[in-house]
């Protein structure tokens, strides 16, 4: 999978999680997603968003 497709896939997964209202553990169990992977990507996109909002990008 290309890096661009991987980023899009994880961005979509993180958005689905955020919209669910569930905690990460429960959402991952319900959606067969690795908890560590979700946590890694959740924090990655959170960091990128924070930088963008503060003008560091």
Protein backbone atom coordinates (compact mmCIF):
# COMPACT_ATOMS: atom_id res chain seq x y z
CA UNK A 1 0.00 0.00 0.00
CA UNK A 2 1.34 3.42 -0.86
CA UNK A 3 2.08 5.88 1.93
CA UNK A 4 -0.65 8.22 0.68
CA UNK A 5 -3.27 5.46 0.69
CA UNK A 6 -2.14 4.33 4.15
CA UNK A 7 -2.51 7.88 5.52
CA UNK A 8 -5.98 8.20 4.01
CA UNK A 9 -7.03 4.81 5.37
CA UNK A 10 -5.92 5.70 8.90
CA UNK A 11 -7.39 9.18 8.72
CA UNK A 12 -10.74 7.60 7.83
CA UNK A 13 -10.41 5.04 10.65
CA UNK A 14 -9.57 7.76 13.20
CA UNK A 15 -12.54 9.84 12.03
CA UNK A 16 -14.87 6.85 12.39
CA UNK A 17 -13.56 6.28 15.90
CA UNK A 18 -13.99 9.94 16.88
CA UNK A 19 -17.59 9.99 15.62
CA UNK A 20 -18.45 6.81 17.52
CA UNK A 21 -18.36 8.29 21.02
CA UNK A 22 -16.76 5.08 22.29
CA UNK A 23 -13.42 4.76 24.04
CA UNK A 24 -10.51 3.39 22.01
CA UNK A 25 -10.54 -0.06 23.62
CA UNK A 26 -14.22 -0.69 22.98
CA UNK A 27 -14.17 0.75 19.48
CA UNK A 28 -11.17 -1.37 18.50
CA UNK A 29 -12.83 -4.54 19.81
CA UNK A 30 -16.04 -3.74 17.93
CA UNK A 31 -14.22 -2.90 14.69
CA UNK A 32 -11.38 -5.43 14.76
CA UNK A 33 -8.70 -2.72 14.79
CA UNK A 34 -5.41 -3.01 16.65
CA UNK A 35 -5.55 -0.73 19.71
CA UNK A 36 -1.89 0.30 19.53
CA UNK A 37 -2.22 1.19 15.86
CA UNK A 38 -5.31 3.29 16.46
CA UNK A 39 -3.62 5.06 19.35
CA UNK A 40 -0.51 5.76 17.27
CA UNK A 41 -2.49 7.23 14.37
CA UNK A 42 -4.93 9.10 16.62
CA UNK A 43 -1.99 10.86 18.28
CA UNK A 44 -0.29 11.46 14.92
CA UNK A 45 -3.32 13.22 13.44
CA UNK A 46 -3.96 15.10 16.69
CA UNK A 47 -0.38 16.42 16.60
CA UNK A 48 -0.64 17.40 12.92
CA UNK A 49 -3.97 19.17 13.52
CA UNK A 50 -2.56 21.05 16.52
CA UNK A 51 0.46 22.21 14.51
CA UNK A 52 -1.76 23.31 11.65
CA UNK A 53 -4.04 25.31 13.95
CA UNK A 54 -1.10 27.02 15.64
CA UNK A 55 0.63 27.84 12.36
CA UNK A 56 3.62 25.51 12.70
CA UNK A 57 3.02 23.81 9.36
